Amino acid sequence: MQVPFYGHVRQYHNIKGEIDKNIAEVLESGQYVMGPMLSRFEKELAAYFGTKYAIGVGNGTDAIWLTLMALGVGPGDECITTTNTFFATAEACWVAGAKVVFVDCDPKTRNIDPKKIEKAITKKTKAIIPVHLYGQCADMRAIRAIADRHKLFVIEDNAQGIDGCGPDFKQGELSDAVTTSFIIQKNLGTFGDSGAVASNNPEIDRAVRRLRNHGSEKRSHHSYGFNSRLDDLHAGILSAKLKHITAWTDQRRAWAACYNEGLKRARRFTLPYEAPGYRHVYHLYVIETKKPELRDELLKFLNDNGVDAKVHYPIAIHQQEGFPWGKKARLCGKQRNSERNAASCVSLPMFAELTAEEVDYTIEKVMEWDKKG
């Protein structure tokens, strides 16, 4: 059996009529950029988050750095985040001109460890950027309390966590802005790339709208800005998909429960940890080998047996050769948990359109490998 990692085509066929209808509406309108479909989706997205505003941009990376610019964060400032995530989180700070300060992750959730944040704060610190890694929200209550004590901005990197929440908070409730990515592999993904910023702050909304469109608020009137617009075709695709996101999350959680049950007796790896009361959306279902040297062995075994498992993210950001060190980044303390996470993680196939047979087969092969040790 072959078990794919992504279910993009299956998902498309399941709601093909809805997607095709919106695409046709855009094509027939003749308005493909900054048109009515984008406006519609932005209103739908704001309503979904429960925020006053939502702004479509070119991608999730732009969403972060345009938000930083809207908040006046740039050269001479510092942003605190984690290193066991996709490179773009830190890259966005660098593009905005700010310095990245890395703190270690929590050993269970693998999200930023609030206990480590306060030690990293200096007079130059302007923002904290928690990443909702793998689909589980960071501890936003603790992070907001720290930010309030030190008068810092909080920007949620929600590229992996749409539809998640904490036991007593929603995304966007405890931050200055939520940034997200709609690249195809995300839980809410378009057929290409795009992103968005959601916020209750009218100044953020106005600034990001201006920055994404060559600094323009009125035709032919420009100031400093960029070209980072979510086009109407992608907005139409996302509009069709948005109404299904909760049902898709519920199915992901059901498959995660199947994995948890089928893999609970494993000896050579650990299962994902879901914090009590949190709604983990399982953008990725990540297991970790107890010995890092076993990770590649497990990955090869699964791939050789038809299970398209992958690794996210095998090189922590501070270990990347291409990261701009010197004035651009510093580590606050040891990054033991982050480095361990990067060295031992394996992502199993996880998408709503998986079949029971595919999940059972994946469990069978993972446990077959486990019993060999």
Protein backbone atom coordinates (compact mmCIF):
# COMPACT_ATOMS: atom_id res chain seq x y z
CA MET A 1 0.00 0.00 0.00
CA GLN A 2 1.08 3.57 -0.70
CA VAL A 3 0.08 6.17 1.90
CA PRO A 4 0.55 9.76 0.67
CA PHE A 5 1.56 12.62 2.93
CA TYR A 6 -0.79 15.18 1.35
CA GLY A 7 -4.45 14.99 0.33
CA HIS A 8 -4.73 18.09 -1.84
CA VAL A 9 -6.33 16.42 -4.85
CA ARG A 10 -8.73 14.37 -2.74
CA GLN A 11 -9.83 17.51 -0.94
CA TYR A 12 -10.37 19.33 -4.23
CA HIS A 13 -12.57 16.56 -5.60
CA ASN A 14 -14.63 16.51 -2.40
CA ILE A 15 -15.64 20.19 -2.77
CA LYS A 16 -14.89 20.67 -6.47
CA GLY A 17 -18.23 22.29 -7.21
CA GLU A 18 -17.80 24.97 -4.55
CA ILE A 19 -14.24 25.80 -5.58
CA ASP A 20 -14.97 25.82 -9.31
CA LYS A 21 -17.99 28.08 -8.75
CA ASN A 22 -15.86 30.70 -6.97
CA ILE A 23 -13.09 30.49 -9.56
CA ALA A 24 -15.61 30.97 -12.35
CA GLU A 25 -17.13 33.93 -10.52
CA VAL A 26 -13.73 35.62 -10.33
CA LEU A 27 -12.88 34.88 -13.95
CA GLU A 28 -16.23 36.20 -15.17
CA SER A 29 -15.89 39.35 -13.05
CA GLY A 30 -12.69 40.44 -14.77
CA GLN A 31 -11.38 41.65 -11.39
CA TYR A 32 -8.50 39.44 -10.41
CA VAL A 33 -6.45 41.60 -8.03
CA MET A 34 -7.87 43.65 -5.12
CA GLY A 35 -11.35 42.78 -6.32
CA PRO A 36 -14.66 41.87 -4.67
CA MET A 37 -13.74 38.23 -3.97
CA LEU A 38 -10.77 39.33 -1.88
CA SER A 39 -12.96 41.75 0.07
CA ARG A 40 -15.49 38.98 0.67
CA PHE A 41 -12.89 36.53 1.90
CA GLU A 42 -11.29 39.11 4.19
CA LYS A 43 -14.67 39.71 5.85
CA GLU A 44 -15.26 35.97 6.16
CA LEU A 45 -11.83 35.43 7.68
CA ALA A 46 -12.27 38.26 10.20
CA ALA A 47 -15.64 36.80 11.20
CA TYR A 48 -14.04 33.38 11.56
CA PHE A 49 -11.28 34.67 13.86
CA GLY A 50 -13.66 36.99 15.68
CA THR A 51 -11.46 39.98 14.89
CA LYS A 52 -12.44 43.34 13.49
CA TYR A 53 -10.05 43.09 10.54
CA ALA A 54 -8.33 40.60 8.26
CA ILE A 55 -5.97 41.51 5.42
CA GLY A 56 -4.90 39.12 2.65
CA VAL A 57 -1.22 39.25 1.71
CA GLY A 58 1.16 37.37 -0.55
CA ASN A 59 2.30 34.70 1.91
CA GLY A 60 2.75 33.89 5.58
CA THR A 61 6.26 35.31 5.75
CA ASP A 62 5.07 38.68 4.47
CA ALA A 63 2.24 38.56 7.00
CA ILE A 64 4.77 38.57 9.85
CA TRP A 65 7.18 41.19 8.59
CA LEU A 66 4.48 43.55 7.34
CA THR A 67 2.90 43.33 10.79
CA LEU A 68 6.27 44.09 12.39
CA MET A 69 6.63 47.11 10.13
CA ALA A 70 3.08 48.22 10.93
CA LEU A 71 4.02 48.15 14.62
CA GLY A 72 7.20 50.12 14.00
CA VAL A 73 9.52 47.19 14.80
CA GLY A 74 12.76 47.39 12.84
CA PRO A 75 16.49 48.12 13.04
CA GLY A 76 17.77 48.27 16.62
CA ASP A 77 14.83 46.25 17.97
CA GLU A 78 14.70 42.64 19.14
CA CYS A 79 12.03 39.96 18.67
CA ILE A 80 11.83 36.82 20.80
CA THR A 81 10.82 33.51 19.21
CA THR A 82 11.86 29.85 19.02
CA THR A 83 14.34 28.07 16.81
CA ASN A 84 12.52 24.74 16.27
CA THR A 85 10.21 25.95 13.55
CA PHE A 86 10.24 26.89 9.89
CA PHE A 87 12.95 29.38 8.92
CA ALA A 88 10.41 32.04 7.85
CA THR A 89 9.52 33.09 11.40
CA ALA A 90 13.01 34.38 12.05
CA GLU A 91 13.50 35.43 8.44
CA ALA A 92 10.54 37.81 8.69
CA CYS A 93 12.15 39.58 11.64
CA TRP A 94 15.40 39.87 9.73
CA VAL A 95 13.63 41.32 6.67
CA ALA A 96 11.98 43.91 8.93
CA GLY A 97 15.47 44.80 10.18
CA ALA A 98 15.05 43.47 13.73
CA LYS A 99 17.31 41.13 15.68
CA VAL A 100 16.04 37.65 16.54
CA VAL A 101 16.48 36.31 20.06
CA PHE A 102 15.93 32.56 20.40
CA VAL A 103 14.67 30.90 23.56
CA ASP A 104 14.20 27.17 24.01
CA CYS A 105 10.92 25.32 23.57
CA ASP A 106 8.84 23.51 26.15
CA PRO A 107 9.91 19.83 26.35
CA LYS A 108 6.31 18.58 26.01
CA THR A 109 4.40 20.89 23.69
CA ARG A 110 7.51 21.95 21.70
CA ASN A 111 6.08 25.48 21.67
CA ILE A 112 7.97 28.47 23.04
CA ASP A 113 8.63 28.05 26.78
CA PRO A 114 7.14 31.06 28.63
CA LYS A 115 9.50 30.43 31.55
CA LYS A 116 12.44 31.18 29.25
CA ILE A 117 11.04 34.36 27.69
CA GLU A 118 11.49 36.80 30.55
CA LYS A 119 15.23 36.07 30.82
CA ALA A 120 15.64 37.04 27.16
CA ILE A 121 14.02 40.47 27.44
CA THR A 122 16.26 43.52 27.14
CA LYS A 123 15.65 47.23 26.67
CA LYS A 124 15.66 46.56 22.93
CA THR A 125 12.94 43.90 23.00
CA LYS A 126 9.80 44.98 21.15
CA ALA A 127 7.89 41.80 20.31
CA ILE A 128 7.30 38.16 21.19
CA ILE A 129 6.39 35.85 18.30
CA PRO A 130 5.01 32.51 19.53
CA VAL A 131 4.59 29.82 16.88
CA HIS A 132 1.63 27.45 17.21
CA LEU A 133 3.89 24.56 16.24
CA TYR A 134 2.44 21.48 14.55
CA GLY A 135 -1.07 22.84 15.22
CA GLN A 136 -1.13 23.33 19.01
CA CYS A 137 -1.45 26.85 20.39
CA ALA A 138 1.32 28.23 22.55
CA ASP A 139 0.54 29.24 26.13
CA MET A 140 -0.92 32.61 25.19
CA ARG A 141 -2.13 33.49 28.68
CA ALA A 142 1.39 33.31 30.07
CA ILE A 143 2.89 35.05 27.05
CA ARG A 144 0.37 37.91 27.20
CA ALA A 145 1.08 38.42 30.91
CA ILE A 146 4.82 38.70 30.20
CA ALA A 147 4.19 41.08 27.31
CA ASP A 148 1.97 43.29 29.45
CA ARG A 149 4.57 43.50 32.21
CA HIS A 150 7.21 44.66 29.76
CA LYS A 151 4.96 46.56 27.32
CA LEU A 152 5.75 44.30 24.37
CA PHE A 153 3.83 43.41 21.22
CA VAL A 154 2.66 39.83 20.65
CA ILE A 155 2.33 38.44 17.11
CA GLU A 156 0.95 34.92 16.74
CA ASP A 157 2.63 32.90 13.99
CA ASN A 158 -0.41 30.82 13.16
CA ALA A 159 0.86 29.30 9.91
CA GLN A 160 0.31 25.79 11.32
CA GLY A 161 -2.48 26.37 13.81
CA ILE A 162 -5.66 27.67 12.17
CA ASP A 163 -8.80 26.45 13.99
CA GLY A 164 -6.87 25.79 17.20
CA CYS A 165 -7.53 27.34 20.60
CA GLY A 166 -6.55 27.13 24.23
CA PRO A 167 -8.72 26.08 27.17
CA ASP A 168 -9.79 29.69 27.81
CA PHE A 169 -8.66 31.71 24.80
CA LYS A 170 -9.13 32.03 21.07
CA GLN A 171 -6.50 32.91 18.52
CA GLY A 172 -6.25 36.67 18.22
CA GLU A 173 -7.76 37.30 21.64
CA LEU A 174 -4.45 37.74 23.47
CA SER A 175 -2.20 39.15 20.75
CA ASP A 176 -1.80 42.32 18.72
CA ALA A 177 -2.16 40.32 15.50
CA VAL A 178 -2.49 36.79 14.16
CA THR A 179 -0.50 35.97 11.04
CA THR A 180 -1.18 32.91 8.95
CA SER A 181 -0.12 31.11 5.78
CA PHE A 182 -2.35 29.62 3.10
CA ILE A 183 0.30 27.76 1.11
CA ILE A 184 -1.17 24.54 -0.29
CA GLN A 185 0.03 22.15 2.47
CA LYS A 186 -1.60 24.12 5.31
CA ASN A 187 -4.83 22.97 6.95
CA LEU A 188 -6.49 25.87 5.10
CA GLY A 189 -4.47 26.08 1.91
CA THR A 190 -4.97 27.52 -1.54
CA PHE A 191 -3.61 26.14 -4.81
CA GLY A 192 -0.39 28.11 -4.49
CA ASP A 193 0.67 30.59 -1.83
CA SER A 194 -0.81 33.45 0.17
CA GLY A 195 -1.27 34.61 3.74
CA ALA A 196 -3.19 36.96 5.99
CA VAL A 197 -3.06 39.20 9.05
CA ALA A 198 -6.00 39.33 11.48
CA SER A 199 -6.21 42.00 14.16
CA ASN A 200 -8.48 44.18 16.26
CA ASN A 201 -6.13 47.13 15.88
CA PRO A 202 -7.25 49.65 13.23
CA GLU A 203 -3.71 51.06 12.93
CA ILE A 204 -2.29 47.63 12.10
CA ASP A 205 -5.06 47.07 9.58
CA ARG A 206 -4.51 50.41 7.86
CA ALA A 207 -0.71 50.08 7.82
CA VAL A 208 -0.65 46.52 6.45
CA ARG A 209 -3.21 47.37 3.77
CA ARG A 210 -1.00 50.25 2.69
CA LEU A 211 2.26 48.31 2.87
CA ARG A 212 0.95 45.33 0.86
CA ASN A 213 -0.02 47.58 -2.05
CA HIS A 214 2.97 49.82 -2.81
CA GLY A 215 2.11 52.12 0.08
CA SER A 216 -1.17 53.06 -1.55
CA GLU A 217 -4.55 53.82 0.02
CA LYS A 218 -5.85 55.61 -3.06
CA ARG A 219 -5.26 54.93 -6.73
CA SER A 220 -2.07 56.62 -8.03
CA HIS A 221 -1.12 57.84 -4.52
CA HIS A 222 1.85 55.96 -3.06
CA SER A 223 4.27 55.95 -0.16
CA TYR A 224 6.78 53.36 1.06
CA GLY A 225 5.39 49.89 0.48
CA PHE A 226 5.63 46.55 -1.32
CA ASN A 227 3.78 44.21 -3.64
CA SER A 228 2.23 41.53 -1.44
CA ARG A 229 -1.40 41.01 -2.39
CA LEU A 230 -3.62 37.96 -2.06
CA ASP A 231 -5.22 37.74 -5.50
CA ASP A 232 -8.90 37.08 -6.01
CA LEU A 233 -8.54 33.59 -7.48
CA HIS A 234 -6.80 32.39 -4.31
CA ALA A 235 -9.32 34.30 -2.21
CA GLY A 236 -12.13 32.44 -3.97
CA ILE A 237 -10.52 29.06 -3.33
CA LEU A 238 -9.97 29.94 0.32
CA SER A 239 -13.52 31.24 0.69
CA ALA A 240 -14.86 27.90 -0.50
CA LYS A 241 -12.59 25.99 1.87
CA LEU A 242 -13.01 28.15 4.97
CA LYS A 243 -16.52 26.88 5.72
CA HIS A 244 -15.12 23.31 5.94
CA ILE A 245 -12.13 23.98 8.18
CA THR A 246 -13.77 22.95 11.47
CA ALA A 247 -15.02 19.65 10.03
CA TRP A 248 -11.58 18.96 8.55
CA THR A 249 -9.97 19.67 11.90
CA ASP A 250 -12.36 17.31 13.63
CA GLN A 251 -11.37 14.57 11.18
CA ARG A 252 -7.66 15.27 11.70
CA ARG A 253 -8.21 14.96 15.43
CA ALA A 254 -10.04 11.67 14.89
CA TRP A 255 -7.10 10.29 12.90
CA ALA A 256 -4.72 11.55 15.59
CA ALA A 257 -6.75 9.63 18.18
CA CYS A 258 -6.39 6.49 16.04
CA TYR A 259 -2.62 7.02 15.85
CA ASN A 260 -2.45 7.59 19.60
CA GLU A 261 -4.31 4.36 20.32
CA GLY A 262 -2.44 2.26 17.81
CA LEU A 263 1.02 3.55 18.76
CA LYS A 264 0.63 3.86 22.54
CA ARG A 265 2.72 0.76 23.30
CA ALA A 266 5.74 1.96 21.32
CA ARG A 267 9.12 1.64 23.01
CA ARG A 268 11.45 3.54 20.71
CA PHE A 269 9.55 6.79 20.17
CA THR A 270 7.18 9.18 21.92
CA LEU A 271 3.79 10.47 20.78
CA PRO A 272 2.65 14.09 20.40
CA TYR A 273 1.58 15.80 23.59
CA GLU A 274 -1.74 17.66 23.64
CA ALA A 275 -2.01 20.07 26.54
CA PRO A 276 -5.21 19.68 28.63
CA GLY A 277 -8.10 21.74 27.27
CA TYR A 278 -6.31 22.72 24.06
CA ARG A 279 -7.69 22.06 20.58
CA HIS A 280 -4.69 20.68 18.72
CA VAL A 281 -5.42 20.84 14.97
CA TYR A 282 -2.68 18.39 13.98
CA HIS A 283 -1.28 20.25 11.03
CA LEU A 284 1.44 17.68 11.59
CA TYR A 285 1.35 14.47 13.63
CA VAL A 286 4.91 14.30 14.91
CA ILE A 287 6.48 11.42 16.78
CA GLU A 288 10.02 11.60 18.17
CA THR A 289 12.51 8.75 18.38
CA LYS A 290 13.98 8.37 21.86
CA LYS A 291 17.44 8.22 20.32
CA PRO A 292 18.12 10.80 17.59
CA GLU A 293 20.23 8.34 15.62
CA LEU A 294 17.10 6.21 15.08
CA ARG A 295 15.16 8.94 13.27
CA ASP A 296 16.59 8.38 9.80
CA GLU A 297 16.28 4.63 10.24
CA LEU A 298 12.57 4.93 10.98
CA LEU A 299 12.03 7.40 8.15
CA LYS A 300 13.72 5.12 5.62
CA PHE A 301 11.78 2.08 6.83
CA LEU A 302 8.47 3.86 6.41
CA ASN A 303 9.34 5.30 3.01
CA ASP A 304 10.59 1.91 1.80
CA ASN A 305 7.27 0.40 2.86
CA GLY A 306 5.07 2.92 1.06
CA VAL A 307 4.37 5.35 3.91
CA ASP A 308 5.32 8.86 2.79
CA ALA A 309 6.50 10.09 6.19
CA LYS A 310 8.57 13.29 6.30
CA VAL A 311 10.63 15.41 8.70
CA HIS A 312 9.67 18.87 10.00
CA TYR A 313 12.11 20.52 10.80
CA PRO A 314 15.43 18.62 10.89
CA ILE A 315 17.69 21.66 11.26
CA ALA A 316 16.89 24.19 13.99
CA ILE A 317 17.07 27.77 12.73
CA HIS A 318 20.14 28.66 14.78
CA GLN A 319 21.91 25.66 13.22
CA GLN A 320 21.17 26.76 9.65
CA GLU A 321 24.26 27.84 7.71
CA GLY A 322 22.24 30.52 5.93
CA PHE A 323 20.99 32.37 9.00
CA PRO A 324 22.43 35.92 9.30
CA TRP A 325 24.31 35.82 12.59
CA GLY A 326 26.27 38.64 14.20
CA LYS A 327 23.99 41.59 14.75
CA LYS A 328 20.96 39.70 13.47
CA ALA A 329 20.51 36.95 16.09
CA ARG A 330 21.46 35.66 19.50
CA LEU A 331 20.68 32.64 21.63
CA CYS A 332 19.33 33.07 25.13
CA GLY A 333 20.55 29.99 26.96
CA LYS A 334 20.94 26.43 25.73
CA GLN A 335 18.54 25.17 23.08
CA ARG A 336 18.54 21.53 24.21
CA ASN A 337 14.82 20.85 23.74
CA SER A 338 14.72 22.53 20.33
CA GLU A 339 17.81 20.69 19.12
CA ARG A 340 16.46 17.37 20.36
CA ASN A 341 13.16 18.02 18.62
CA ALA A 342 14.91 18.80 15.33
CA ALA A 343 17.10 15.69 15.55
CA SER A 344 14.44 13.12 16.37
CA CYS A 345 11.12 14.19 14.77
CA VAL A 346 9.17 12.23 12.15
CA SER A 347 5.85 13.44 10.68
CA LEU A 348 3.35 10.73 9.82
CA PRO A 349 0.73 11.23 7.07
CA MET A 350 -2.00 13.52 8.42
CA PHE A 351 -4.86 15.03 6.46
CA ALA A 352 -8.62 14.85 6.72
CA GLU A 353 -9.05 12.75 3.59
CA LEU A 354 -6.96 9.81 4.80
CA THR A 355 -8.75 6.46 4.85
CA ALA A 356 -9.01 4.07 7.79
CA GLU A 357 -7.02 1.53 5.79
CA GLU A 358 -4.19 4.02 5.26
CA VAL A 359 -4.08 4.98 8.93
CA ASP A 360 -4.13 1.32 10.01
CA TYR A 361 -1.37 0.46 7.56
CA THR A 362 0.78 3.35 8.79
CA ILE A 363 0.31 2.22 12.40
CA GLU A 364 1.18 -1.34 11.40
CA LYS A 365 4.43 -0.31 9.74
CA VAL A 366 5.50 2.07 12.50
CA MET A 367 4.95 -0.64 15.13
CA GLU A 368 6.69 -3.21 12.94
CA TRP A 369 9.78 -0.98 12.99
CA ASP A 370 9.40 -0.39 16.73
CA LYS A 371 9.39 -4.11 17.52
CA LYS A 372 12.63 -4.66 15.64
CA GLY A 373 14.61 -2.69 18.19
